[in-house]
PDB file of all heavy atoms in Angstrom:
ATOM      1  N   LYS A   1     -13.212  -9.289   1.222  1.00  0.00           N
ATOM      2  CA  LYS A   1     -11.900  -9.857   1.533  1.00  0.00           C
ATOM      3  C   LYS A   1     -11.089 -10.079   0.260  1.00  0.00           C
ATOM      4  O   LYS A   1      -9.880  -9.813   0.223  1.00  0.00           O
ATOM      5  CB  LYS A   1     -12.070 -11.176   2.278  1.00  0.00           C
ATOM      6  CG  LYS A   1     -10.777 -11.693   2.891  1.00  0.00           C
ATOM      7  CD  LYS A   1     -11.048 -12.729   3.955  1.00  0.00           C
ATOM      8  CE  LYS A   1      -9.756 -13.110   4.672  1.00  0.00           C
ATOM      9  NZ  LYS A   1      -9.990 -14.073   5.750  1.00  0.00           N
ATOM     10  N   MET A   2     -11.736 -10.554  -0.809  1.00  0.00           N
ATOM     11  CA  MET A   2     -11.040 -10.758  -2.077  1.00  0.00           C
ATOM     12  C   MET A   2     -10.530  -9.428  -2.624  1.00  0.00           C
ATOM     13  O   MET A   2      -9.397  -9.335  -3.098  1.00  0.00           O
ATOM     14  CB  MET A   2     -11.981 -11.419  -3.087  1.00  0.00           C
ATOM     15  CG  MET A   2     -12.319 -12.875  -2.779  1.00  0.00           C
ATOM     16  SD  MET A   2     -10.849 -13.934  -2.732  1.00  0.00           S
ATOM     17  CE  MET A   2     -10.293 -13.807  -4.418  1.00  0.00           C
ATOM     18  N   THR A   3     -11.406  -8.397  -2.541  1.00  0.00           N
ATOM     19  CA  THR A   3     -10.978  -7.069  -2.992  1.00  0.00           C
ATOM     20  C   THR A   3      -9.779  -6.594  -2.170  1.00  0.00           C
ATOM     21  O   THR A   3      -8.812  -6.039  -2.711  1.00  0.00           O
ATOM     22  CB  THR A   3     -12.137  -6.060  -2.854  1.00  0.00           C
ATOM     23  OG1 THR A   3     -13.249  -6.520  -3.608  1.00  0.00           O
ATOM     24  CG2 THR A   3     -11.712  -4.680  -3.333  1.00  0.00           C
ATOM     25  N   GLY A   4      -9.856  -6.833  -0.858  1.00  0.00           N
ATOM     26  CA  GLY A   4      -8.746  -6.449   0.023  1.00  0.00           C
ATOM     27  C   GLY A   4      -7.477  -7.210  -0.306  1.00  0.00           C
ATOM     28  O   GLY A   4      -6.380  -6.643  -0.310  1.00  0.00           O
ATOM     29  N   LEU A   5      -7.618  -8.499  -0.601  1.00  0.00           N
ATOM     30  CA  LEU A   5      -6.444  -9.320  -0.925  1.00  0.00           C
ATOM     31  C   LEU A   5      -5.805  -8.858  -2.229  1.00  0.00           C
ATOM     32  O   LEU A   5      -4.577  -8.791  -2.344  1.00  0.00           O
ATOM     33  CB  LEU A   5      -6.834 -10.794  -1.021  1.00  0.00           C
ATOM     34  CG  LEU A   5      -7.103 -11.508   0.312  1.00  0.00           C
ATOM     35  CD1 LEU A   5      -7.658 -12.907   0.077  1.00  0.00           C
ATOM     36  CD2 LEU A   5      -5.826 -11.584   1.155  1.00  0.00           C
ATOM     37  N   TYR A   6      -6.653  -8.549  -3.225  1.00  0.00           N
ATOM     38  CA  TYR A   6      -6.112  -8.050  -4.492  1.00  0.00           C
ATOM     39  C   TYR A   6      -5.390  -6.720  -4.271  1.00  0.00           C
ATOM     40  O   TYR A   6      -4.297  -6.484  -4.815  1.00  0.00           O
ATOM     41  CB  TYR A   6      -7.232  -7.869  -5.513  1.00  0.00           C
ATOM     42  CG  TYR A   6      -7.710  -9.165  -6.129  1.00  0.00           C
ATOM     43  CD1 TYR A   6      -9.072  -9.460  -6.182  1.00  0.00           C
ATOM     44  CD2 TYR A   6      -6.821 -10.088  -6.659  1.00  0.00           C
ATOM     45  CE1 TYR A   6      -9.534 -10.656  -6.737  1.00  0.00           C
ATOM     46  CE2 TYR A   6      -7.270 -11.282  -7.218  1.00  0.00           C
ATOM     47  CZ  TYR A   6      -8.626 -11.558  -7.252  1.00  0.00           C
ATOM     48  OH  TYR A   6      -9.067 -12.726  -7.806  1.00  0.00           O
ATOM     49  N   ALA A   7      -6.026  -5.844  -3.494  1.00  0.00           N
ATOM     50  CA  ALA A   7      -5.389  -4.550  -3.198  1.00  0.00           C
ATOM     51  C   ALA A   7      -4.086  -4.760  -2.437  1.00  0.00           C
ATOM     52  O   ALA A   7      -3.074  -4.095  -2.708  1.00  0.00           O
ATOM     53  CB  ALA A   7      -6.354  -3.678  -2.390  1.00  0.00           C
ATOM     54  N   LEU A   8      -4.101  -5.700  -1.485  1.00  0.00           N
ATOM     55  CA  LEU A   8      -2.903  -5.987  -0.698  1.00  0.00           C
ATOM     56  C   LEU A   8      -1.796  -6.559  -1.581  1.00  0.00           C
ATOM     57  O   LEU A   8      -0.615  -6.215  -1.420  1.00  0.00           O
ATOM     58  CB  LEU A   8      -3.241  -6.969   0.423  1.00  0.00           C
ATOM     59  CG  LEU A   8      -2.101  -7.325   1.381  1.00  0.00           C
ATOM     60  CD1 LEU A   8      -1.620  -6.082   2.118  1.00  0.00           C
ATOM     61  CD2 LEU A   8      -2.569  -8.374   2.389  1.00  0.00           C
ATOM     62  N   GLN A   9      -2.193  -7.413  -2.536  1.00  0.00           N
ATOM     63  CA  GLN A   9      -1.201  -7.989  -3.444  1.00  0.00           C
ATOM     64  C   GLN A   9      -0.535  -6.902  -4.281  1.00  0.00           C
ATOM     65  O   GLN A   9       0.682  -6.897  -4.477  1.00  0.00           O
ATOM     66  CB  GLN A   9      -1.885  -9.030  -4.336  1.00  0.00           C
ATOM     67  CG  GLN A   9      -0.931  -9.898  -5.156  1.00  0.00           C
ATOM     68  CD  GLN A   9      -0.553  -9.281  -6.470  1.00  0.00           C
ATOM     69  OE1 GLN A   9      -1.302  -8.483  -7.020  1.00  0.00           O
ATOM     70  NE2 GLN A   9       0.628  -9.626  -6.974  1.00  0.00           N
ATOM     71  N   ARG A  10      -1.332  -5.955  -4.764  1.00  0.00           N
ATOM     72  CA  ARG A  10      -0.762  -4.854  -5.551  1.00  0.00           C
ATOM     73  C   ARG A  10       0.108  -3.951  -4.680  1.00  0.00           C
ATOM     74  O   ARG A  10       1.156  -3.461  -5.124  1.00  0.00           O
ATOM     75  CB  ARG A  10      -1.880  -4.055  -6.221  1.00  0.00           C
ATOM     76  CG  ARG A  10      -2.629  -4.834  -7.291  1.00  0.00           C
ATOM     77  CD  ARG A  10      -3.480  -3.905  -8.165  1.00  0.00           C
ATOM     78  NE  ARG A  10      -4.531  -3.244  -7.427  1.00  0.00           N
ATOM     79  CZ  ARG A  10      -5.721  -3.774  -7.178  1.00  0.00           C
ATOM     80  NH1 ARG A  10      -6.002  -5.004  -7.613  1.00  0.00           N
ATOM     81  NH2 ARG A  10      -6.640  -3.106  -6.511  1.00  0.00           N
ATOM     82  N   LEU A  11      -0.328  -3.741  -3.444  1.00  0.00           N
ATOM     83  CA  LEU A  11       0.488  -2.953  -2.509  1.00  0.00           C
ATOM     84  C   LEU A  11       1.834  -3.626  -2.271  1.00  0.00           C
ATOM     85  O   LEU A  11       2.886  -2.979  -2.292  1.00  0.00           O
ATOM     86  CB  LEU A  11      -0.257  -2.797  -1.177  1.00  0.00           C
ATOM     87  CG  LEU A  11      -1.106  -1.542  -0.986  1.00  0.00           C
ATOM     88  CD1 LEU A  11      -1.886  -1.640   0.304  1.00  0.00           C
ATOM     89  CD2 LEU A  11      -0.251  -0.297  -1.006  1.00  0.00           C
ATOM     90  N   SER A  12       1.805  -4.931  -2.042  1.00  0.00           N
ATOM     91  CA  SER A  12       3.038  -5.684  -1.783  1.00  0.00           C
ATOM     92  C   SER A  12       3.970  -5.624  -2.984  1.00  0.00           C
ATOM     93  O   SER A  12       5.187  -5.465  -2.838  1.00  0.00           O
ATOM     94  CB  SER A  12       2.698  -7.142  -1.442  1.00  0.00           C
ATOM     95  OG  SER A  12       1.905  -7.218  -0.290  1.00  0.00           O
ATOM     96  N   SER A  13       3.380  -5.762  -4.194  1.00  0.00           N
ATOM     97  CA  SER A  13       4.192  -5.682  -5.409  1.00  0.00           C
ATOM     98  C   SER A  13       4.833  -4.309  -5.543  1.00  0.00           C
ATOM     99  O   SER A  13       6.008  -4.189  -5.907  1.00  0.00           O
ATOM    100  CB  SER A  13       3.328  -5.981  -6.638  1.00  0.00           C
ATOM    101  OG  SER A  13       2.802  -7.287  -6.579  1.00  0.00           O
ATOM    102  N   ALA A  14       4.058  -3.263  -5.246  1.00  0.00           N
ATOM    103  CA  ALA A  14       4.596  -1.902  -5.352  1.00  0.00           C
ATOM    104  C   ALA A  14       5.716  -1.681  -4.345  1.00  0.00           C
ATOM    105  O   ALA A  14       6.761  -1.100  -4.673  1.00  0.00           O
ATOM    106  CB  ALA A  14       3.464  -0.890  -5.136  1.00  0.00           C
ATOM    107  N   ILE A  15       5.503  -2.148  -3.125  1.00  0.00           N
ATOM    108  CA  ILE A  15       6.504  -1.965  -2.071  1.00  0.00           C
ATOM    109  C   ILE A  15       7.801  -2.689  -2.412  1.00  0.00           C
ATOM    110  O   ILE A  15       8.897  -2.197  -2.155  1.00  0.00           O
ATOM    111  CB  ILE A  15       5.950  -2.467  -0.718  1.00  0.00           C
ATOM    112  CG1 ILE A  15       4.833  -1.541  -0.228  1.00  0.00           C
ATOM    113  CG2 ILE A  15       7.048  -2.548   0.335  1.00  0.00           C
ATOM    114  CD1 ILE A  15       4.049  -2.103   0.937  1.00  0.00           C
ATOM    115  N   SER A  16       7.671  -3.878  -3.015  1.00  0.00           N
ATOM    116  CA  SER A  16       8.858  -4.703  -3.296  1.00  0.00           C
ATOM    117  C   SER A  16       9.672  -4.210  -4.484  1.00  0.00           C
ATOM    118  O   SER A  16      10.728  -4.763  -4.778  1.00  0.00           O
ATOM    119  CB  SER A  16       8.436  -6.152  -3.546  1.00  0.00           C
ATOM    120  OG  SER A  16       7.602  -6.248  -4.683  1.00  0.00           O
ATOM    121  N   THR A  17       9.176  -3.173  -5.187  1.00  0.00           N
ATOM    122  CA  THR A  17       9.910  -2.683  -6.356  1.00  0.00           C
ATOM    123  C   THR A  17      11.057  -1.748  -6.003  1.00  0.00           C
ATOM    124  O   THR A  17      11.814  -1.356  -6.893  1.00  0.00           O
ATOM    125  CB  THR A  17       8.954  -1.947  -7.320  1.00  0.00           C
ATOM    126  OG1 THR A  17       8.341  -0.858  -6.620  1.00  0.00           O
ATOM    127  CG2 THR A  17       7.899  -2.889  -7.870  1.00  0.00           C
ATOM    128  N   THR A  18      11.174  -1.365  -4.748  1.00  0.00           N
ATOM    129  CA  THR A  18      12.252  -0.444  -4.358  1.00  0.00           C
ATOM    130  C   THR A  18      13.074  -1.021  -3.212  1.00  0.00           C
ATOM    131  O   THR A  18      12.566  -1.779  -2.387  1.00  0.00           O
ATOM    132  CB  THR A  18      11.672   0.928  -3.941  1.00  0.00           C
ATOM    133  OG1 THR A  18      12.756   1.804  -3.597  1.00  0.00           O
ATOM    134  CG2 THR A  18      10.736   0.789  -2.744  1.00  0.00           C
ATOM    135  N   LEU A  19      14.362  -0.679  -3.216  1.00  0.00           N
ATOM    136  CA  LEU A  19      15.259  -1.069  -2.125  1.00  0.00           C
ATOM    137  C   LEU A  19      15.774   0.167  -1.397  1.00  0.00           C
ATOM    138  O   LEU A  19      16.777   0.092  -0.684  1.00  0.00           O
ATOM    139  CB  LEU A  19      16.425  -1.902  -2.673  1.00  0.00           C
ATOM    140  CG  LEU A  19      16.074  -3.334  -3.092  1.00  0.00           C
ATOM    141  CD1 LEU A  19      17.232  -3.990  -3.812  1.00  0.00           C
ATOM    142  CD2 LEU A  19      15.669  -4.173  -1.882  1.00  0.00           C
ATOM    143  N   GLU A  20      15.074   1.307  -1.579  1.00  0.00           N
ATOM    144  CA  GLU A  20      15.417   2.532  -0.867  1.00  0.00           C
ATOM    145  C   GLU A  20      14.398   2.747   0.240  1.00  0.00           C
ATOM    146  O   GLU A  20      13.190   2.819  -0.019  1.00  0.00           O
ATOM    147  CB  GLU A  20      15.419   3.720  -1.817  1.00  0.00           C
ATOM    148  CG  GLU A  20      16.482   3.633  -2.900  1.00  0.00           C
ATOM    149  CD  GLU A  20      16.467   4.852  -3.791  1.00  0.00           C
ATOM    150  OE1 GLU A  20      16.245   5.967  -3.263  1.00  0.00           O
ATOM    151  OE2 GLU A  20      16.649   4.705  -5.010  1.00  0.00           O
ATOM    152  N   GLU A  21      14.864   2.861   1.474  1.00  0.00           N
ATOM    153  CA  GLU A  21      13.967   2.979   2.622  1.00  0.00           C
ATOM    154  C   GLU A  21      13.052   4.193   2.501  1.00  0.00           C
ATOM    155  O   GLU A  21      11.869   4.132   2.844  1.00  0.00           O
ATOM    156  CB  GLU A  21      14.790   3.054   3.911  1.00  0.00           C
ATOM    157  CG  GLU A  21      13.946   3.076   5.172  1.00  0.00           C
ATOM    158  CD  GLU A  21      14.786   2.964   6.430  1.00  0.00           C
ATOM    159  OE1 GLU A  21      15.962   2.547   6.339  1.00  0.00           O
ATOM    160  OE2 GLU A  21      14.255   3.302   7.500  1.00  0.00           O
ATOM    161  N   GLU A  22      13.569   5.298   1.982  1.00  0.00           N
ATOM    162  CA  GLU A  22      12.769   6.519   1.880  1.00  0.00           C
ATOM    163  C   GLU A  22      11.633   6.384   0.863  1.00  0.00           C
ATOM    164  O   GLU A  22      10.648   7.125   0.925  1.00  0.00           O
ATOM    165  CB  GLU A  22      13.676   7.691   1.481  1.00  0.00           C
ATOM    166  CG  GLU A  22      14.725   8.034   2.541  1.00  0.00           C
ATOM    167  CD  GLU A  22      15.608   9.172   2.095  1.00  0.00           C
ATOM    168  OE1 GLU A  22      15.433   9.623   0.942  1.00  0.00           O
ATOM    169  OE2 GLU A  22      16.461   9.619   2.876  1.00  0.00           O
ATOM    170  N   GLN A  23      11.765   5.465  -0.086  1.00  0.00           N
ATOM    171  CA  GLN A  23      10.766   5.322  -1.142  1.00  0.00           C
ATOM    172  C   GLN A  23       9.682   4.304  -0.814  1.00  0.00           C
ATOM    173  O   GLN A  23       8.658   4.254  -1.491  1.00  0.00           O
ATOM    174  CB  GLN A  23      11.453   4.914  -2.456  1.00  0.00           C
ATOM    175  CG  GLN A  23      12.421   5.942  -3.011  1.00  0.00           C
ATOM    176  CD  GLN A  23      11.711   7.230  -3.398  1.00  0.00           C
ATOM    177  OE1 GLN A  23      10.610   7.200  -3.936  1.00  0.00           O
ATOM    178  NE2 GLN A  23      12.347   8.366  -3.135  1.00  0.00           N
ATOM    179  N   ILE A  24       9.891   3.480   0.212  1.00  0.00           N
ATOM    180  CA  ILE A  24       8.960   2.376   0.490  1.00  0.00           C
ATOM    181  C   ILE A  24       7.552   2.885   0.760  1.00  0.00           C
ATOM    182  O   ILE A  24       6.575   2.429   0.144  1.00  0.00           O
ATOM    183  CB  ILE A  24       9.470   1.532   1.675  1.00  0.00           C
ATOM    184  CG1 ILE A  24      10.724   0.745   1.255  1.00  0.00           C
ATOM    185  CG2 ILE A  24       8.390   0.562   2.162  1.00  0.00           C
ATOM    186  CD1 ILE A  24      11.399   0.019   2.377  1.00  0.00           C
ATOM    187  N   PHE A  25       7.409   3.839   1.667  1.00  0.00           N
ATOM    188  CA  PHE A  25       6.074   4.328   2.035  1.00  0.00           C
ATOM    189  C   PHE A  25       5.443   5.183   0.933  1.00  0.00           C
ATOM    190  O   PHE A  25       4.224   5.283   0.843  1.00  0.00           O
ATOM    191  CB  PHE A  25       6.142   5.115   3.345  1.00  0.00           C
ATOM    192  CG  PHE A  25       6.486   4.252   4.526  1.00  0.00           C
ATOM    193  CD1 PHE A  25       7.786   4.189   5.000  1.00  0.00           C
ATOM    194  CD2 PHE A  25       5.514   3.493   5.146  1.00  0.00           C
ATOM    195  CE1 PHE A  25       8.122   3.391   6.082  1.00  0.00           C
ATOM    196  CE2 PHE A  25       5.833   2.688   6.227  1.00  0.00           C
ATOM    197  CZ  PHE A  25       7.138   2.629   6.699  1.00  0.00           C
ATOM    198  N   LYS A  26       6.298   5.755   0.073  1.00  0.00           N
ATOM    199  CA  LYS A  26       5.766   6.533  -1.037  1.00  0.00           C
ATOM    200  C   LYS A  26       5.116   5.647  -2.096  1.00  0.00           C
ATOM    201  O   LYS A  26       4.370   6.143  -2.945  1.00  0.00           O
ATOM    202  CB  LYS A  26       6.890   7.362  -1.675  1.00  0.00           C
ATOM    203  CG  LYS A  26       7.438   8.441  -0.752  1.00  0.00           C
ATOM    204  CD  LYS A  26       8.543   9.228  -1.443  1.00  0.00           C
ATOM    205  CE  LYS A  26       9.092  10.305  -0.503  1.00  0.00           C
ATOM    206  NZ  LYS A  26      10.201  11.068  -1.141  1.00  0.00           N
ATOM    207  N   MET A  27       5.418   4.339  -2.064  1.00  0.00           N
ATOM    208  CA  MET A  27       4.845   3.418  -3.029  1.00  0.00           C
ATOM    209  C   MET A  27       3.411   3.018  -2.684  1.00  0.00           C
ATOM    210  O   MET A  27       2.746   2.337  -3.467  1.00  0.00           O
ATOM    211  CB  MET A  27       5.709   2.157  -3.128  1.00  0.00           C
ATOM    212  CG  MET A  27       7.179   2.408  -3.476  1.00  0.00           C
ATOM    213  SD  MET A  27       7.384   3.328  -5.005  1.00  0.00           S
ATOM    214  CE  MET A  27       6.807   2.132  -6.185  1.00  0.00           C
ATOM    215  N   ILE A  28       2.910   3.432  -1.498  1.00  0.00           N
ATOM    216  CA  ILE A  28       1.545   3.083  -1.080  1.00  0.00           C
ATOM    217  C   ILE A  28       0.563   4.081  -1.691  1.00  0.00           C
ATOM    218  O   ILE A  28       0.492   5.241  -1.285  1.00  0.00           O
ATOM    219  CB  ILE A  28       1.422   3.069   0.456  1.00  0.00           C
ATOM    220  CG1 ILE A  28       2.385   2.020   1.046  1.00  0.00           C
ATOM    221  CG2 ILE A  28      -0.001   2.770   0.871  1.00  0.00           C
ATOM    222  CD1 ILE A  28       2.380   1.958   2.552  1.00  0.00           C
ATOM    223  N   ASP A  29      -0.186   3.645  -2.693  1.00  0.00           N
ATOM    224  CA  ASP A  29      -1.154   4.491  -3.392  1.00  0.00           C
ATOM    225  C   ASP A  29      -2.430   4.611  -2.551  1.00  0.00           C
ATOM    226  O   ASP A  29      -2.966   3.603  -2.086  1.00  0.00           O
ATOM    227  CB  ASP A  29      -1.489   3.860  -4.748  1.00  0.00           C
ATOM    228  CG  ASP A  29      -2.250   4.802  -5.654  1.00  0.00           C
ATOM    229  OD1 ASP A  29      -3.126   5.521  -5.143  1.00  0.00           O
ATOM    230  OD2 ASP A  29      -1.974   4.806  -6.854  1.00  0.00           O
ATOM    231  N   PRO A  30      -2.962   5.831  -2.344  1.00  0.00           N
ATOM    232  CA  PRO A  30      -4.221   5.998  -1.586  1.00  0.00           C
ATOM    233  C   PRO A  30      -5.382   5.180  -2.146  1.00  0.00           C
ATOM    234  O   PRO A  30      -6.269   4.767  -1.404  1.00  0.00           O
ATOM    235  CB  PRO A  30      -4.491   7.499  -1.690  1.00  0.00           C
ATOM    236  CG  PRO A  30      -3.137   8.115  -1.903  1.00  0.00           C
ATOM    237  CD  PRO A  30      -2.369   7.131  -2.708  1.00  0.00           C
ATOM    238  N   ASN A  31      -5.360   4.938  -3.470  1.00  0.00           N
ATOM    239  CA  ASN A  31      -6.438   4.147  -4.076  1.00  0.00           C
ATOM    240  C   ASN A  31      -6.473   2.723  -3.530  1.00  0.00           C
ATOM    241  O   ASN A  31      -7.532   2.118  -3.407  1.00  0.00           O
ATOM    242  CB  ASN A  31      -6.276   4.112  -5.593  1.00  0.00           C
ATOM    243  CG  ASN A  31      -6.492   5.476  -6.214  1.00  0.00           C
ATOM    244  OD1 ASN A  31      -7.287   6.269  -5.706  1.00  0.00           O
ATOM    245  ND2 ASN A  31      -5.794   5.767  -7.291  1.00  0.00           N
ATOM    246  N   TYR A  32      -5.272   2.184  -3.222  1.00  0.00           N
ATOM    247  CA  TYR A  32      -5.226   0.846  -2.658  1.00  0.00           C
ATOM    248  C   TYR A  32      -5.922   0.822  -1.295  1.00  0.00           C
ATOM    249  O   TYR A  32      -6.635  -0.127  -0.962  1.00  0.00           O
ATOM    250  CB  TYR A  32      -3.783   0.376  -2.512  1.00  0.00           C
ATOM    251  CG  TYR A  32      -3.037   0.217  -3.822  1.00  0.00           C
ATOM    252  CD1 TYR A  32      -1.645   0.313  -3.872  1.00  0.00           C
ATOM    253  CD2 TYR A  32      -3.725  -0.020  -5.011  1.00  0.00           C
ATOM    254  CE1 TYR A  32      -0.965   0.160  -5.069  1.00  0.00           C
ATOM    255  CE2 TYR A  32      -3.045  -0.156  -6.207  1.00  0.00           C
ATOM    256  CZ  TYR A  32      -1.658  -0.076  -6.233  1.00  0.00           C
ATOM    257  OH  TYR A  32      -0.993  -0.219  -7.413  1.00  0.00           O
ATOM    258  N   LEU A  33      -5.707   1.884  -0.495  1.00  0.00           N
ATOM    259  CA  LEU A  33      -6.323   1.941   0.830  1.00  0.00           C
ATOM    260  C   LEU A  33      -7.845   2.054   0.719  1.00  0.00           C
ATOM    261  O   LEU A  33      -8.577   1.474   1.519  1.00  0.00           O
ATOM    262  CB  LEU A  33      -5.758   3.129   1.612  1.00  0.00           C
ATOM    263  CG  LEU A  33      -4.271   3.016   1.991  1.00  0.00           C
ATOM    264  CD1 LEU A  33      -3.793   4.315   2.603  1.00  0.00           C
ATOM    265  CD2 LEU A  33      -4.038   1.867   2.952  1.00  0.00           C
ATOM    266  N   GLU A  34      -8.307   2.788  -0.297  1.00  0.00           N
ATOM    267  CA  GLU A  34      -9.755   2.899  -0.488  1.00  0.00           C
ATOM    268  C   GLU A  34     -10.361   1.540  -0.825  1.00  0.00           C
ATOM    269  O   GLU A  34     -11.481   1.229  -0.404  1.00  0.00           O
ATOM    270  CB  GLU A  34     -10.048   3.901  -1.604  1.00  0.00           C
ATOM    271  CG  GLU A  34      -9.776   5.340  -1.205  1.00  0.00           C
ATOM    272  CD  GLU A  34     -10.127   6.319  -2.313  1.00  0.00           C
ATOM    273  OE1 GLU A  34     -10.732   5.870  -3.322  1.00  0.00           O
ATOM    274  OE2 GLU A  34      -9.789   7.509  -2.177  1.00  0.00           O
ATOM    275  N   GLU A  35      -9.630   0.734  -1.575  1.00  0.00           N
ATOM    276  CA  GLU A  35     -10.114  -0.607  -1.891  1.00  0.00           C
ATOM    277  C   GLU A  35     -10.183  -1.470  -0.635  1.00  0.00           C
ATOM    278  O   GLU A  35     -10.932  -2.455  -0.590  1.00  0.00           O
ATOM    279  CB  GLU A  35      -9.205  -1.267  -2.928  1.00  0.00           C
ATOM    280  CG  GLU A  35      -9.299  -0.614  -4.295  1.00  0.00           C
ATOM    281  CD  GLU A  35      -8.423  -1.297  -5.316  1.00  0.00           C
ATOM    282  OE1 GLU A  35      -8.231  -2.526  -5.204  1.00  0.00           O
ATOM    283  OE2 GLU A  35      -7.915  -0.621  -6.230  1.00  0.00           O
ATOM    284  N   LEU A  36      -9.413  -1.110   0.369  1.00  0.00           N
ATOM    285  CA  LEU A  36      -9.485  -1.811   1.653  1.00  0.00           C
ATOM    286  C   LEU A  36     -10.541  -1.185   2.564  1.00  0.00           C
ATOM    287  O   LEU A  36     -10.655  -1.556   3.731  1.00  0.00           O
ATOM    288  CB  LEU A  36      -8.111  -1.762   2.349  1.00  0.00           C
ATOM    289  CG  LEU A  36      -6.961  -2.529   1.659  1.00  0.00           C
ATOM    290  CD1 LEU A  36      -5.635  -2.230   2.354  1.00  0.00           C
ATOM    291  CD2 LEU A  36      -7.223  -4.017   1.641  1.00  0.00           C
ATOM    292  N   ASN A  37     -11.287  -0.211   2.020  1.00  0.00           N
ATOM    293  CA  ASN A  37     -12.366   0.478   2.754  1.00  0.00           C
ATOM    294  C   ASN A  37     -11.849   1.384   3.866  1.00  0.00           C
ATOM    295  O   ASN A  37     -12.488   1.529   4.908  1.00  0.00           O
ATOM    296  CB  ASN A  37     -13.379  -0.533   3.330  1.00  0.00           C
ATOM    297  CG  ASN A  37     -14.138  -1.267   2.242  1.00  0.00           C
ATOM    298  OD1 ASN A  37     -14.580  -0.657   1.273  1.00  0.00           O
ATOM    299  ND2 ASN A  37     -14.272  -2.573   2.389  1.00  0.00           N
ATOM    300  N   PHE A  38     -10.691   2.007   3.637  1.00  0.00           N
ATOM    301  CA  PHE A  38     -10.145   2.967   4.597  1.00  0.00           C
ATOM    302  C   PHE A  38      -9.814   4.258   3.851  1.00  0.00           C
ATOM    303  O   PHE A  38      -9.258   4.233   2.761  1.00  0.00           O
ATOM    304  CB  PHE A  38      -8.885   2.423   5.274  1.00  0.00           C
ATOM    305  CG  PHE A  38      -9.150   1.203   6.121  1.00  0.00           C
ATOM    306  CD1 PHE A  38      -8.793  -0.057   5.675  1.00  0.00           C
ATOM    307  CD2 PHE A  38      -9.766   1.317   7.355  1.00  0.00           C
ATOM    308  CE1 PHE A  38      -9.037  -1.178   6.443  1.00  0.00           C
ATOM    309  CE2 PHE A  38     -10.012   0.195   8.131  1.00  0.00           C
ATOM    310  CZ  PHE A  38      -9.661  -1.057   7.676  1.00  0.00           C
ATOM    311  N   GLU A  39     -10.191   5.395   4.460  1.00  0.00           N
ATOM    312  CA  GLU A  39      -9.895   6.681   3.820  1.00  0.00           C
ATOM    313  C   GLU A  39      -8.667   7.363   4.409  1.00  0.00           C
ATOM    314  O   GLU A  39      -8.088   8.247   3.797  1.00  0.00           O
ATOM    315  CB  GLU A  39     -11.078   7.646   3.979  1.00  0.00           C
ATOM    316  CG  GLU A  39     -12.388   7.159   3.386  1.00  0.00           C
ATOM    317  CD  GLU A  39     -13.218   6.396   4.392  1.00  0.00           C
ATOM    318  OE1 GLU A  39     -13.209   6.748   5.580  1.00  0.00           O
ATOM    319  OE2 GLU A  39     -13.859   5.414   3.970  1.00  0.00           O
ATOM    320  N   LYS A  40      -8.266   6.946   5.600  1.00  0.00           N
ATOM    321  CA  LYS A  40      -7.152   7.608   6.280  1.00  0.00           C
ATOM    322  C   LYS A  40      -6.091   6.570   6.662  1.00  0.00           C
ATOM    323  O   LYS A  40      -6.412   5.428   6.979  1.00  0.00           O
ATOM    324  CB  LYS A  40      -7.638   8.321   7.537  1.00  0.00           C
ATOM    325  CG  LYS A  40      -8.623   9.459   7.267  1.00  0.00           C
ATOM    326  CD  LYS A  40      -9.051  10.131   8.550  1.00  0.00           C
ATOM    327  CE  LYS A  40     -10.018  11.282   8.276  1.00  0.00           C
ATOM    328  NZ  LYS A  40     -10.432  11.955   9.528  1.00  0.00           N
ATOM    329  N   SER A  41      -4.837   7.054   6.626  1.00  0.00           N
ATOM    330  CA  SER A  41      -3.748   6.159   7.014  1.00  0.00           C
ATOM    331  C   SER A  41      -2.526   6.966   7.441  1.00  0.00           C
ATOM    332  O   SER A  41      -2.283   8.059   6.909  1.00  0.00           O
ATOM    333  CB  SER A  41      -3.359   5.234   5.852  1.00  0.00           C
ATOM    334  OG  SER A  41      -2.300   4.385   6.226  1.00  0.00           O
ATOM    335  N   CYS A  42      -1.800   6.421   8.408  1.00  0.00           N
ATOM    336  CA  CYS A  42      -0.524   7.000   8.853  1.00  0.00           C
ATOM    337  C   CYS A  42       0.445   5.864   9.125  1.00  0.00           C
ATOM    338  O   CYS A  42       0.061   4.820   9.668  1.00  0.00           O
ATOM    339  CB  CYS A  42      -0.710   7.811  10.140  1.00  0.00           C
ATOM    340  SG  CYS A  42      -1.262   9.493   9.848  1.00  0.00           S
ATOM    341  N   ALA A  43       1.686   6.064   8.753  1.00  0.00           N
ATOM    342  CA  ALA A  43       2.750   5.118   9.107  1.00  0.00           C
ATOM    343  C   ALA A  43       3.831   5.895   9.834  1.00  0.00           C
ATOM    344  O   ALA A  43       4.254   6.965   9.383  1.00  0.00           O
ATOM    345  CB  ALA A  43       3.317   4.441   7.868  1.00  0.00           C
ATOM    346  N   LEU A  44       4.285   5.370  10.962  1.00  0.00           N
ATOM    347  CA  LEU A  44       5.257   6.072  11.804  1.00  0.00           C
ATOM    348  C   LEU A  44       6.396   5.134  12.174  1.00  0.00           C
ATOM    349  O   LEU A  44       6.185   3.935  12.442  1.00  0.00           O
ATOM    350  CB  LEU A  44       4.599   6.608  13.078  1.00  0.00           C
ATOM    351  CG  LEU A  44       3.426   7.579  12.883  1.00  0.00           C
ATOM    352  CD1 LEU A  44       2.101   6.822  12.983  1.00  0.00           C
ATOM    353  CD2 LEU A  44       3.471   8.706  13.915  1.00  0.00           C
ATOM    354  N   LEU A  45       7.629   5.655  12.175  1.00  0.00           N
ATOM    355  CA  LEU A  45       8.811   4.892  12.588  1.00  0.00           C
ATOM    356  C   LEU A  45       9.517   5.653  13.706  1.00  0.00           C
ATOM    357  O   LEU A  45       9.562   6.891  13.710  1.00  0.00           O
ATOM    358  CB  LEU A  45       9.779   4.695  11.413  1.00  0.00           C
ATOM    359  CG  LEU A  45       9.326   3.770  10.282  1.00  0.00           C
ATOM    360  CD1 LEU A  45      10.391   3.715   9.195  1.00  0.00           C
ATOM    361  CD2 LEU A  45       9.017   2.374  10.794  1.00  0.00           C
TER     362      LEU A  45
END
């Protein structure tokens, strides 16, 4: 959980660095997801 929280904190920081909608999802690094113990991810709008 601590590893996940640290990864989530870095994800949140990365996401908050942009105010362009097209860039938000590009800020999610696959390495962060691996730290959350997930190898696959999809985001859909």
